[in-house]
C-alpha atoms as a PDB file:
ATOM      1  CA  MET A   1      15.210 -15.389  18.435  1.00  0.00           C
ATOM      2  CA  GLU A   2      18.575 -15.175  16.735  1.00  0.00           C
ATOM      3  CA  PRO A   3      18.262 -15.134  12.757  1.00  0.00           C
ATOM      4  CA  ASP A   4      20.959 -16.155  10.725  1.00  0.00           C
ATOM      5  CA  GLN A   5      22.401 -13.257   8.702  1.00  0.00           C
ATOM      6  CA  PRO A   6      21.599 -13.989   5.100  1.00  0.00           C
ATOM      7  CA  GLN A   7      22.584 -13.730   1.729  1.00  0.00           C
ATOM      8  CA  ILE A   8      21.714  -9.707   0.704  1.00  0.00           C
ATOM      9  CA  LEU A   9      22.435  -8.170  -2.513  1.00  0.00           C
ATOM     10  CA  HIS A  10      22.523  -4.394  -3.052  1.00  0.00           C
ATOM     11  CA  LEU A  11      21.331  -3.498  -6.151  1.00  0.00           C
ATOM     12  CA  GLY A  12      20.215   0.173  -5.057  1.00  0.00           C
ATOM     13  CA  CYS A  13      16.716   0.084  -5.690  1.00  0.00           C
ATOM     14  CA  ALA A  14      14.039  -0.084  -2.888  1.00  0.00           C
ATOM     15  CA  VAL A  15      11.231  -2.543  -2.779  1.00  0.00           C
ATOM     16  CA  GLU A  16       7.743  -0.659  -1.953  1.00  0.00           C
ATOM     17  CA  SER A  17       5.987  -4.049  -2.003  1.00  0.00           C
ATOM     18  CA  CYS A  18       5.910  -7.724  -2.130  1.00  0.00           C
ATOM     19  CA  SER A  19       3.055 -10.237  -2.071  1.00  0.00           C
ATOM     20  CA  PHE A  20       2.988 -14.393  -2.362  1.00  0.00           C
ATOM     21  CA  ALA A  21       0.603 -16.100  -5.158  1.00  0.00           C
ATOM     22  CA  PRO A  22      -2.245 -16.769  -2.779  1.00  0.00           C
ATOM     23  CA  THR A  23      -2.859 -20.710  -4.209  1.00  0.00           C
ATOM     24  CA  ALA A  24      -1.463 -23.772  -2.679  1.00  0.00           C
ATOM     25  CA  ASP A  25      -0.443 -25.112  -5.656  1.00  0.00           C
ATOM     26  CA  SER A  26       1.930 -21.738  -6.390  1.00  0.00           C
ATOM     27  CA  ASN A  27       5.578 -20.773  -4.712  1.00  0.00           C
ATOM     28  CA  ARG A  28       6.024 -17.517  -6.305  1.00  0.00           C
ATOM     29  CA  LEU A  29       6.319 -14.123  -5.150  1.00  0.00           C
ATOM     30  CA  ALA A  30       5.411 -10.540  -6.866  1.00  0.00           C
ATOM     31  CA  THR A  31       8.083  -7.730  -5.834  1.00  0.00           C
ATOM     32  CA  SER A  32       7.317  -3.728  -6.865  1.00  0.00           C
ATOM     33  CA  SER A  33      10.178  -1.541  -7.054  1.00  0.00           C
ATOM     34  CA  ASP A  34      11.403   2.027  -6.798  1.00  0.00           C
ATOM     35  CA  ASP A  35      12.275   1.818 -10.697  1.00  0.00           C
ATOM     36  CA  GLY A  36       8.839   1.095 -12.022  1.00  0.00           C
ATOM     37  CA  THR A  37       9.073  -2.251 -12.332  1.00  0.00           C
ATOM     38  CA  VAL A  38       7.340  -5.137 -10.891  1.00  0.00           C
ATOM     39  CA  GLN A  39       9.356  -8.875 -10.968  1.00  0.00           C
ATOM     40  CA  VAL A  40       8.127 -12.589 -10.561  1.00  0.00           C
ATOM     41  CA  TRP A  41      10.578 -14.589  -7.902  1.00  0.00           C
ATOM     42  CA  LEU A  42      10.196 -18.286  -7.999  1.00  0.00           C
ATOM     43  CA  PRO A  43      12.288 -20.867  -5.730  1.00  0.00           C
ATOM     44  CA  SER A  44      14.930 -22.889  -7.792  1.00  0.00           C
ATOM     45  CA  ALA A  45      13.175 -26.400  -6.575  1.00  0.00           C
ATOM     46  CA  ALA A  46       9.917 -27.081  -5.561  1.00  0.00           C
ATOM     47  CA  ASP A  47      10.540 -26.455  -1.799  1.00  0.00           C
ATOM     48  CA  SER A  48      10.291 -23.109  -1.209  1.00  0.00           C
ATOM     49  CA  SER A  49      13.138 -22.843   1.408  1.00  0.00           C
ATOM     50  CA  ALA A  50      16.125 -23.348  -2.115  1.00  0.00           C
ATOM     51  CA  ALA A  51      17.108 -20.289  -2.859  1.00  0.00           C
ATOM     52  CA  TRP A  52      14.460 -17.655  -5.234  1.00  0.00           C
ATOM     53  CA  SER A  53      15.625 -15.955  -8.212  1.00  0.00           C
ATOM     54  CA  SER A  54      14.104 -13.586 -10.833  1.00  0.00           C
ATOM     55  CA  ALA A  55      11.250 -15.167 -13.134  1.00  0.00           C
ATOM     56  CA  ALA A  56      10.105 -12.741 -15.301  1.00  0.00           C
ATOM     57  CA  SER A  57      10.356  -8.193 -14.817  1.00  0.00           C
ATOM     58  CA  SER A  58       8.614  -5.917 -16.351  1.00  0.00           C
ATOM     59  CA  LYS A  59       8.585  -1.970 -16.229  1.00  0.00           C
ATOM     60  CA  ARG A  60       4.856  -0.884 -15.302  1.00  0.00           C
ATOM     61  CA  HIS A  61       5.522   2.196 -14.408  1.00  0.00           C
ATOM     62  CA  GLU A  62       7.099   5.692 -14.555  1.00  0.00           C
ATOM     63  CA  GLY A  63       8.296   6.316 -11.508  1.00  0.00           C
ATOM     64  CA  LEU A  64       8.035   4.260  -8.327  1.00  0.00           C
ATOM     65  CA  ALA A  65       5.417   1.238  -8.047  1.00  0.00           C
ATOM     66  CA  LEU A  66       4.295   1.348  -5.207  1.00  0.00           C
ATOM     67  CA  ALA A  67       2.382  -1.615  -4.533  1.00  0.00           C
ATOM     68  CA  VAL A  68       1.380  -4.809  -6.515  1.00  0.00           C
ATOM     69  CA  ALA A  69      -1.388  -7.332  -5.328  1.00  0.00           C
ATOM     70  CA  TRP A  70      -2.196 -11.243  -7.088  1.00  0.00           C
ATOM     71  CA  SER A  71      -5.509 -11.692  -8.179  1.00  0.00           C
ATOM     72  CA  PRO A  72      -7.732 -14.403  -6.148  1.00  0.00           C
ATOM     73  CA  ASP A  73      -6.822 -17.675  -8.720  1.00  0.00           C
ATOM     74  CA  ALA A  74      -3.082 -15.985  -8.893  1.00  0.00           C
ATOM     75  CA  THR A  75      -3.212 -15.670 -13.065  1.00  0.00           C
ATOM     76  CA  SER A  76      -2.981 -11.583 -12.652  1.00  0.00           C
ATOM     77  CA  LEU A  77      -1.246  -8.630 -11.163  1.00  0.00           C
ATOM     78  CA  CYS A  78      -1.841  -5.431 -10.404  1.00  0.00           C
ATOM     79  CA  SER A  79       0.259  -2.786  -9.206  1.00  0.00           C
ATOM     80  CA  ALA A  80      -0.186   0.749  -8.143  1.00  0.00           C
ATOM     81  CA  GLY A  81       1.937   4.084  -9.043  1.00  0.00           C
ATOM     82  CA  GLU A  82       4.142   7.281  -8.336  1.00  0.00           C
ATOM     83  CA  ASP A  83       2.695   7.586 -12.383  1.00  0.00           C
ATOM     84  CA  LYS A  84      -1.505   7.902 -10.886  1.00  0.00           C
ATOM     85  CA  ARG A  85      -2.142   4.838 -12.865  1.00  0.00           C
ATOM     86  CA  VAL A  86      -2.993   1.272 -11.295  1.00  0.00           C
ATOM     87  CA  VAL A  87      -1.821  -1.378 -14.385  1.00  0.00           C
ATOM     88  CA  VAL A  88      -3.081  -5.136 -14.666  1.00  0.00           C
ATOM     89  CA  GLY A  89      -1.928  -7.504 -16.618  1.00  0.00           C
ATOM     90  CA  PRO A  90      -1.213 -11.335 -16.826  1.00  0.00           C
ATOM     91  CA  ALA A  91       1.088 -12.638 -13.775  1.00  0.00           C
ATOM     92  CA  ASP A  92       3.363 -14.094 -15.977  1.00  0.00           C
ATOM     93  CA  LEU A  93       4.552 -10.476 -16.873  1.00  0.00           C
ATOM     94  CA  SER A  94       4.136 -10.968 -20.539  1.00  0.00           C
ATOM     95  CA  ALA A  95       4.269  -8.363 -23.017  1.00  0.00           C
ATOM     96  CA  SER A  96       3.154  -5.045 -22.021  1.00  0.00           C
ATOM     97  CA  SER A  97       0.305  -5.097 -24.550  1.00  0.00           C
ATOM     98  CA  ALA A  98      -1.690  -7.414 -22.597  1.00  0.00           C
ATOM     99  CA  THR A  99      -1.892  -4.887 -19.609  1.00  0.00           C
ATOM    100  CA  VAL A 100      -4.520  -2.603 -18.539  1.00  0.00           C
ATOM    101  CA  SER A 101      -4.261   0.434 -17.269  1.00  0.00           C
ATOM    102  CA  LEU A 102      -7.050   2.259 -15.308  1.00  0.00           C
ATOM    103  CA  GLU A 103      -6.532   5.641 -14.914  1.00  0.00           C
ATOM    104  CA  GLY A 104      -8.387   8.768 -13.103  1.00  0.00           C
ATOM    105  CA  HIS A 105      -6.746   9.075  -9.868  1.00  0.00           C
ATOM    106  CA  THR A 106      -5.465  12.746  -9.606  1.00  0.00           C
ATOM    107  CA  ASP A 107      -2.142  12.021  -7.163  1.00  0.00           C
ATOM    108  CA  ILE A 108       0.079   8.930  -6.661  1.00  0.00           C
ATOM    109  CA  VAL A 109      -1.551   5.887  -6.037  1.00  0.00           C
ATOM    110  CA  CYS A 110      -0.621   4.413  -3.137  1.00  0.00           C
ATOM    111  CA  ASP A 111      -2.291   1.329  -2.742  1.00  0.00           C
ATOM    112  CA  CYS A 112      -4.165  -1.696  -4.037  1.00  0.00           C
ATOM    113  CA  ALA A 113      -6.214  -4.738  -3.812  1.00  0.00           C
ATOM    114  CA  PHE A 114      -7.994  -7.026  -5.736  1.00  0.00           C
ATOM    115  CA  SER A 115     -11.791  -7.965  -3.639  1.00  0.00           C
ATOM    116  CA  ALA A 116     -11.620 -11.497  -2.715  1.00  0.00           C
ATOM    117  CA  SER A 117     -14.208 -12.903  -6.091  1.00  0.00           C
ATOM    118  CA  GLY A 118     -11.330 -10.924  -7.923  1.00  0.00           C
ATOM    119  CA  ASP A 119     -14.245  -9.127  -9.722  1.00  0.00           C
ATOM    120  CA  LEU A 120     -12.943  -5.791  -8.298  1.00  0.00           C
ATOM    121  CA  ILE A 121      -9.978  -3.506  -7.633  1.00  0.00           C
ATOM    122  CA  ALA A 122      -9.794  -0.874  -5.124  1.00  0.00           C
ATOM    123  CA  SER A 123      -6.975   1.786  -5.875  1.00  0.00           C
ATOM    124  CA  ALA A 124      -6.117   4.123  -2.638  1.00  0.00           C
ATOM    125  CA  SER A 125      -4.548   7.661  -3.804  1.00  0.00           C
ATOM    126  CA  ALA A 126      -2.635  10.550  -2.267  1.00  0.00           C
ATOM    127  CA  ASP A 127      -6.129  12.690  -4.178  1.00  0.00           C
ATOM    128  CA  LYS A 128      -7.739  11.511  -0.912  1.00  0.00           C
ATOM    129  CA  THR A 129     -10.307   8.800  -2.558  1.00  0.00           C
ATOM    130  CA  THR A 130     -10.453   4.964  -3.430  1.00  0.00           C
ATOM    131  CA  ARG A 131     -11.965   3.596  -6.298  1.00  0.00           C
ATOM    132  CA  LEU A 132     -13.165   0.267  -7.202  1.00  0.00           C
ATOM    133  CA  TRP A 133     -12.357  -1.029 -11.001  1.00  0.00           C
ATOM    134  CA  ASP A 134     -14.380  -3.684 -12.739  1.00  0.00           C
ATOM    135  CA  VAL A 135     -11.574  -5.913 -13.734  1.00  0.00           C
ATOM    136  CA  ARG A 136     -13.079  -7.325 -16.764  1.00  0.00           C
ATOM    137  CA  SER A 137     -13.693  -4.266 -18.646  1.00  0.00           C
ATOM    138  CA  GLY A 138     -11.249  -1.642 -16.865  1.00  0.00           C
ATOM    139  CA  GLU A 139     -14.138   0.858 -16.336  1.00  0.00           C
ATOM    140  CA  LEU A 140     -14.497   2.465 -12.448  1.00  0.00           C
ATOM    141  CA  VAL A 141     -17.225   1.033 -10.581  1.00  0.00           C
ATOM    142  CA  ARG A 142     -17.770   4.262  -8.150  1.00  0.00           C
ATOM    143  CA  MET A 143     -15.378   6.103  -5.713  1.00  0.00           C
ATOM    144  CA  LEU A 144     -15.428   6.242  -2.337  1.00  0.00           C
ATOM    145  CA  VAL A 145     -14.731  10.049  -0.731  1.00  0.00           C
ATOM    146  CA  GLY A 146     -14.454  10.964   2.694  1.00  0.00           C
ATOM    147  CA  HIS A 147     -10.844  11.316   3.817  1.00  0.00           C
ATOM    148  CA  GLY A 148      -9.643  14.678   4.294  1.00  0.00           C
ATOM    149  CA  SER A 149      -6.017  13.559   3.640  1.00  0.00           C
ATOM    150  CA  SER A 150      -4.088  11.303   1.374  1.00  0.00           C
ATOM    151  CA  VAL A 151      -5.492   7.337   1.773  1.00  0.00           C
ATOM    152  CA  LEU A 152      -2.171   4.675   2.083  1.00  0.00           C
ATOM    153  CA  SER A 153      -4.046   1.359   1.821  1.00  0.00           C
ATOM    154  CA  CYS A 154      -6.873  -0.166   1.105  1.00  0.00           C
ATOM    155  CA  GLY A 155      -8.125  -3.829   2.029  1.00  0.00           C
ATOM    156  CA  PHE A 156     -11.613  -6.058   1.455  1.00  0.00           C
ATOM    157  CA  SER A 157     -12.821  -7.865   3.797  1.00  0.00           C
ATOM    158  CA  PRO A 158     -12.575 -11.897   3.733  1.00  0.00           C
ATOM    159  CA  ASP A 159     -16.211 -11.958   2.562  1.00  0.00           C
ATOM    160  CA  GLY A 160     -16.257  -9.186  -0.035  1.00  0.00           C
ATOM    161  CA  LEU A 161     -18.469  -7.040   1.506  1.00  0.00           C
ATOM    162  CA  MET A 162     -16.536  -4.336   2.996  1.00  0.00           C
ATOM    163  CA  ILE A 163     -13.427  -2.315   2.372  1.00  0.00           C
ATOM    164  CA  VAL A 164     -11.245  -0.698   5.284  1.00  0.00           C
ATOM    165  CA  THR A 165      -8.802   2.683   4.175  1.00  0.00           C
ATOM    166  CA  THR A 166      -6.460   4.474   6.143  1.00  0.00           C
ATOM    167  CA  GLU A 167      -5.372   7.857   5.405  1.00  0.00           C
ATOM    168  CA  GLU A 168      -2.632  10.349   6.098  1.00  0.00           C
ATOM    169  CA  GLY A 169      -4.409  12.229   8.844  1.00  0.00           C
ATOM    170  CA  GLY A 170      -4.663   9.425  11.433  1.00  0.00           C
ATOM    171  CA  LEU A 171      -7.994   7.787  10.559  1.00  0.00           C
ATOM    172  CA  LEU A 172      -9.750   4.793   9.181  1.00  0.00           C
ATOM    173  CA  LYS A 173     -13.506   4.355   7.444  1.00  0.00           C
ATOM    174  CA  LEU A 174     -14.886   1.137   6.432  1.00  0.00           C
ATOM    175  CA  TRP A 175     -17.703   1.255   3.572  1.00  0.00           C
ATOM    176  CA  GLU A 176     -20.188  -0.946   1.731  1.00  0.00           C
ATOM    177  CA  VAL A 177     -18.418  -2.460  -1.484  1.00  0.00           C
ATOM    178  CA  ALA A 178     -21.999  -3.068  -2.952  1.00  0.00           C
ATOM    179  CA  GLY A 179     -22.938   0.790  -2.783  1.00  0.00           C
ATOM    180  CA  GLY A 180     -19.817   2.590  -1.779  1.00  0.00           C
ATOM    181  CA  GLY A 181     -21.551   4.321   1.240  1.00  0.00           C
ATOM    182  CA  GLU A 182     -19.271   4.561   4.303  1.00  0.00           C
ATOM    183  CA  LEU A 183     -20.788   2.787   7.190  1.00  0.00           C
ATOM    184  CA  GLN A 184     -18.195   3.854  10.097  1.00  0.00           C
ATOM    185  CA  THR A 185     -15.130   6.206  10.884  1.00  0.00           C
ATOM    186  CA  LEU A 186     -12.658   4.622  13.687  1.00  0.00           C
ATOM    187  CA  GLY A 187      -9.776   6.375  15.053  1.00  0.00           C
ATOM    188  CA  GLU A 188     -11.706   9.649  15.835  1.00  0.00           C
ATOM    189  CA  HIS A 189     -10.496   9.576  19.371  1.00  0.00           C
ATOM    190  CA  LEU A 190      -7.123   8.819  19.166  1.00  0.00           C
ATOM    191  CA  ASP A 191      -4.216  11.193  18.207  1.00  0.00           C
ATOM    192  CA  LEU A 192      -2.841   8.802  15.119  1.00  0.00           C
ATOM    193  CA  SER A 193      -1.233  10.064  12.741  1.00  0.00           C
ATOM    194  CA  TRP A 194       0.107   7.834   9.390  1.00  0.00           C
ATOM    195  CA  VAL A 195      -2.080   5.159   9.538  1.00  0.00           C
ATOM    196  CA  THR A 196      -0.183   2.934   7.136  1.00  0.00           C
ATOM    197  CA  SER A 197      -1.477   0.049   6.864  1.00  0.00           C
ATOM    198  CA  CYS A 198      -3.962  -2.258   7.540  1.00  0.00           C
ATOM    199  CA  ALA A 199      -5.212  -6.093   7.984  1.00  0.00           C
ATOM    200  CA  TRP A 200      -8.286  -8.196   8.204  1.00  0.00           C
ATOM    201  CA  HIS A 201      -7.849 -11.522  10.324  1.00  0.00           C
ATOM    202  CA  PRO A 202      -8.780 -14.402   8.035  1.00  0.00           C
ATOM    203  CA  THR A 203     -11.464 -15.528   9.894  1.00  0.00           C
ATOM    204  CA  ASP A 204     -12.876 -13.785  12.898  1.00  0.00           C
ATOM    205  CA  GLY A 205     -13.531  -9.911  11.345  1.00  0.00           C
ATOM    206  CA  VAL A 206     -11.033  -8.339  13.572  1.00  0.00           C
ATOM    207  CA  LEU A 207      -9.532  -5.021  11.778  1.00  0.00           C
ATOM    208  CA  ALA A 208      -5.736  -4.498  12.627  1.00  0.00           C
ATOM    209  CA  SER A 209      -3.997  -1.014  11.753  1.00  0.00           C
ATOM    210  CA  GLY A 210      -0.230   0.194  11.915  1.00  0.00           C
ATOM    211  CA  SER A 211       0.953   4.269  12.340  1.00  0.00           C
ATOM    212  CA  TRP A 212       2.734   6.230  13.362  1.00  0.00           C
ATOM    213  CA  GLU A 213       1.820   6.895  16.754  1.00  0.00           C
ATOM    214  CA  PRO A 214       3.864   4.869  16.506  1.00  0.00           C
ATOM    215  CA  ALA A 215       1.270   1.333  17.417  1.00  0.00           C
ATOM    216  CA  VAL A 216      -0.779  -1.133  16.163  1.00  0.00           C
ATOM    217  CA  HIS A 217      -4.302  -1.210  16.967  1.00  0.00           C
ATOM    218  CA  LEU A 218      -6.841  -4.127  16.849  1.00  0.00           C
ATOM    219  CA  TRP A 219     -10.018  -3.084  16.439  1.00  0.00           C
ATOM    220  CA  HIS A 220     -12.189  -5.576  18.205  1.00  0.00           C
ATOM    221  CA  HIS A 221     -14.604  -2.884  18.850  1.00  0.00           C
ATOM    222  CA  PRO A 222     -15.081   0.560  17.418  1.00  0.00           C
ATOM    223  CA  LEU A 223     -14.238   2.787  20.217  1.00  0.00           C
ATOM    224  CA  LEU A 224     -11.973   0.177  22.486  1.00  0.00           C
ATOM    225  CA  PRO A 225      -9.544  -0.988  20.032  1.00  0.00           C
ATOM    226  CA  VAL A 226      -6.158  -3.060  21.579  1.00  0.00           C
ATOM    227  CA  THR A 227      -3.382  -0.970  21.289  1.00  0.00           C
ATOM    228  CA  LEU A 228       0.501  -2.315  21.382  1.00  0.00           C
ATOM    229  CA  PRO A 229       3.189   0.391  21.455  1.00  0.00           C
ATOM    230  CA  PHE A 230       6.195   0.425  20.440  1.00  0.00           C
ATOM    231  CA  ASP A 231       9.224   2.510  20.101  1.00  0.00           C
ATOM    232  CA  ASP A 232       9.879   2.529  16.189  1.00  0.00           C
ATOM    233  CA  ASN A 233       7.133   3.727  13.197  1.00  0.00           C
ATOM    234  CA  VAL A 234       5.189   0.836  11.422  1.00  0.00           C
ATOM    235  CA  THR A 235       5.045   0.561   7.733  1.00  0.00           C
ATOM    236  CA  SER A 236       3.252  -2.906   7.179  1.00  0.00           C
ATOM    237  CA  ILE A 237       1.162  -5.711   8.806  1.00  0.00           C
ATOM    238  CA  ALA A 238      -0.019  -8.440   7.764  1.00  0.00           C
ATOM    239  CA  PHE A 239      -2.206 -11.682   8.888  1.00  0.00           C
ATOM    240  CA  ALA A 240      -1.074 -14.766   8.881  1.00  0.00           C
ATOM    241  CA  PRO A 241      -3.299 -17.153   6.754  1.00  0.00           C
ATOM    242  CA  ARG A 242      -4.360 -19.521   9.915  1.00  0.00           C
ATOM    243  CA  GLY A 243      -4.919 -16.109  11.811  1.00  0.00           C
ATOM    244  CA  ALA A 244      -4.283 -14.989  15.177  1.00  0.00           C
ATOM    245  CA  THR A 245      -0.475 -14.386  14.584  1.00  0.00           C
ATOM    246  CA  LEU A 246       0.218 -10.689  12.884  1.00  0.00           C
ATOM    247  CA  ALA A 247       3.469  -9.719  11.171  1.00  0.00           C
ATOM    248  CA  ILE A 248       4.641  -6.137  11.514  1.00  0.00           C
ATOM    249  CA  GLY A 249       7.320  -4.003   9.943  1.00  0.00           C
ATOM    250  CA  PHE A 250       9.136  -1.479  11.061  1.00  0.00           C
ATOM    251  CA  ASP A 251      10.850   1.555   9.798  1.00  0.00           C
ATOM    252  CA  ASN A 252      14.129   0.578  11.583  1.00  0.00           C
ATOM    253  CA  GLY A 253      14.505  -2.272   9.728  1.00  0.00           C
ATOM    254  CA  THR A 254      13.304  -5.163  11.741  1.00  0.00           C
ATOM    255  CA  ALA A 255       9.850  -6.923  11.658  1.00  0.00           C
ATOM    256  CA  GLN A 256       8.040  -8.624  14.613  1.00  0.00           C
ATOM    257  CA  LEU A 257       5.694 -11.439  14.995  1.00  0.00           C
ATOM    258  CA  TRP A 258       2.620 -10.897  17.669  1.00  0.00           C
ATOM    259  CA  ASN A 259       0.239 -12.990  19.415  1.00  0.00           C
ATOM    260  CA  THR A 260      -3.614 -11.099  18.635  1.00  0.00           C
ATOM    261  CA  THR A 261      -5.507 -13.359  20.815  1.00  0.00           C
ATOM    262  CA  LEU A 262      -7.594 -10.557  22.430  1.00  0.00           C
ATOM    263  CA  GLY A 263      -5.890 -10.944  26.435  1.00  0.00           C
ATOM    264  CA  SER A 264      -3.027 -12.620  25.678  1.00  0.00           C
ATOM    265  CA  GLU A 265      -1.021 -10.432  23.006  1.00  0.00           C
ATOM    266  CA  ALA A 266       2.472 -10.923  22.677  1.00  0.00           C
ATOM    267  CA  ASN A 267       5.164 -10.623  20.779  1.00  0.00           C
ATOM    268  CA  VAL A 268       6.242 -14.052  19.904  1.00  0.00           C
ATOM    269  CA  ALA A 269       9.513 -13.490  17.204  1.00  0.00           C
ATOM    270  CA  THR A 270      11.457 -10.287  16.211  1.00  0.00           C
ATOM    271  CA  PHE A 271      13.857 -10.933  13.023  1.00  0.00           C
ATOM    272  CA  GLU A 272      16.270  -8.342  12.815  1.00  0.00           C
ATOM    273  CA  GLY A 273      20.039  -7.635  11.341  1.00  0.00           C
ATOM    274  CA  CYS A 274      19.245  -8.125   7.617  1.00  0.00           C
ATOM    275  CA  HIS A 275      17.990  -5.105   6.586  1.00  0.00           C
ATOM    276  CA  THR A 276      19.987  -1.564   6.644  1.00  0.00           C
ATOM    277  CA  ASP A 277      16.743   0.543   6.160  1.00  0.00           C
ATOM    278  CA  GLU A 278      13.282   0.488   6.858  1.00  0.00           C
ATOM    279  CA  VAL A 279      10.885  -2.965   6.314  1.00  0.00           C
ATOM    280  CA  ASN A 280       8.290  -0.923   3.462  1.00  0.00           C
ATOM    281  CA  CYS A 281       5.770  -4.398   3.448  1.00  0.00           C
ATOM    282  CA  VAL A 282       5.366  -7.588   5.015  1.00  0.00           C
ATOM    283  CA  ALA A 283       4.280 -10.974   3.691  1.00  0.00           C
ATOM    284  CA  TRP A 284       3.085 -13.945   3.969  1.00  0.00           C
ATOM    285  CA  SER A 285       3.276 -17.625   2.091  1.00  0.00           C
ATOM    286  CA  HIS A 286      -0.180 -19.514   1.375  1.00  0.00           C
ATOM    287  CA  GLY A 287       0.985 -22.079   4.080  1.00  0.00           C
ATOM    288  CA  GLY A 288       1.924 -19.337   6.496  1.00  0.00           C
ATOM    289  CA  GLU A 289       6.253 -21.382   6.261  1.00  0.00           C
ATOM    290  CA  LEU A 290       7.618 -17.953   5.490  1.00  0.00           C
ATOM    291  CA  LEU A 291       7.283 -14.898   5.671  1.00  0.00           C
ATOM    292  CA  ALA A 292       8.572 -12.200   3.107  1.00  0.00           C
ATOM    293  CA  THR A 293      10.485  -8.318   4.193  1.00  0.00           C
ATOM    294  CA  ALA A 294      10.369  -6.027   1.567  1.00  0.00           C
ATOM    295  CA  ALA A 295      13.053  -3.318   2.088  1.00  0.00           C
ATOM    296  CA  GLN A 296      14.021   0.095   1.395  1.00  0.00           C
ATOM    297  CA  ASP A 297      17.632  -0.755   1.090  1.00  0.00           C
ATOM    298  CA  GLY A 298      16.742  -2.461  -2.029  1.00  0.00           C
ATOM    299  CA  THR A 299      16.456  -6.586  -1.029  1.00  0.00           C
ATOM    300  CA  VAL A 300      13.571  -8.632   0.105  1.00  0.00           C
ATOM    301  CA  ALA A 301      14.137 -11.344   3.447  1.00  0.00           C
ATOM    302  CA  LEU A 302      12.376 -14.420   3.314  1.00  0.00           C
ATOM    303  CA  TRP A 303      12.317 -15.729   6.620  1.00  0.00           C
ATOM    304  CA  SER A 304      10.830 -19.508   7.796  1.00  0.00           C
ATOM    305  CA  VAL A 305       8.963 -18.781   9.820  1.00  0.00           C
ATOM    306  CA  GLY A 306       8.943 -21.893  12.252  1.00  0.00           C
ATOM    307  CA  SER A 307      12.878 -21.390  13.148  1.00  0.00           C
ATOM    308  CA  GLY A 308      13.231 -17.381  12.525  1.00  0.00           C
ATOM    309  CA  HIS A 309      15.658 -18.187  10.038  1.00  0.00           C
ATOM    310  CA  SER A 310      16.344 -16.341   6.908  1.00  0.00           C
ATOM    311  CA  VAL A 311      16.157 -18.757   3.992  1.00  0.00           C
ATOM    312  CA  ASP A 312      17.292 -16.755   1.286  1.00  0.00           C
ATOM    313  CA  SER A 313      17.366 -12.728   0.107  1.00  0.00           C
ATOM    314  CA  VAL A 314      15.971 -11.596  -3.004  1.00  0.00           C
ATOM    315  CA  ALA A 315      17.652  -8.786  -4.157  1.00  0.00           C
ATOM    316  CA  GLY A 316      15.473  -6.022  -5.782  1.00  0.00           C
ATOM    317  CA  ALA A 317      15.424  -4.517  -9.038  1.00  0.00           C
ATOM    318  CA  ALA A 318      18.557  -2.864 -10.760  1.00  0.00           C
ATOM    319  CA  ALA A 319      18.363   0.973 -10.193  1.00  0.00           C
ATOM    320  CA  PRO A 320      18.386   2.759 -13.418  1.00  0.00           C
ATOM    321  CA  PRO A 321      22.048   4.275 -14.749  1.00  0.00           C
ATOM    322  CA  ALA A 322      22.847   7.565 -13.048  1.00  0.00           C
ATOM    323  CA  ALA A 323      22.780  10.221 -15.578  1.00  0.00           C
ATOM    324  CA  PRO A 324      25.519  11.201 -17.298  1.00  0.00           C
END
């Protein structure tokens, strides 16, 4: 399909991550940017296809803000940063005094995620560890150690019993949340590198991973994954809220939708012509009607999934002024 060309605002600051609020009564989008800010965006009307604008902004990190995630009840946001911290605070981005800084990583924090219950936050770091934090107390619950290179992404299973982590060296690991034990390592028989992203199917337990092979792997079976090969590196993946459709972002500035039903895998849509640099993150709205693509060129495009057209474009945070 050929999408319309959206309005694009170039403000010079890469957008590293984006995430829609996970509740049906909330049309809100959170973004994190290279200037360390987290922003929340709202449509100008109840209809999510209306023009979106920034409703609140907070500088939460020194250096890059690499990831942002909502709590399940959409009242809080956590963000991961180049400053080795995870910052948790209210979703309205009120005064910085209301935030809690989770500290202990010895290198940049690449990703963060809330558990389905909202009680835990996972943080994945270039220090080769993943840490689980108690949301209420801010205390470290346990540390997951076993990767041989930077941990790039993490994600809790929908039932909250497991967590998956991916690494620069090409492996994925499954861990037990309750005890922190390593359950399984995936990808040892594959020649992968930079497994950049992971996503759980919301209902059937299938795990997907995206890498710089470049490919997406669908782990129906730990030794025999279905491989979707591509010409461009995979930077981000996300399952649609109702399942089978997987959104995939690429380093060439495009995104695709794939049917991932076993035996019927196929590209069903391509979104292109909007971004001039790599797509860093893809995210679905709660109802699945919109797909957001956050890019290195400083924009976030909101695509109407039903039509394949971009309904609006959201500018990333302005870059800090150049030093004199």
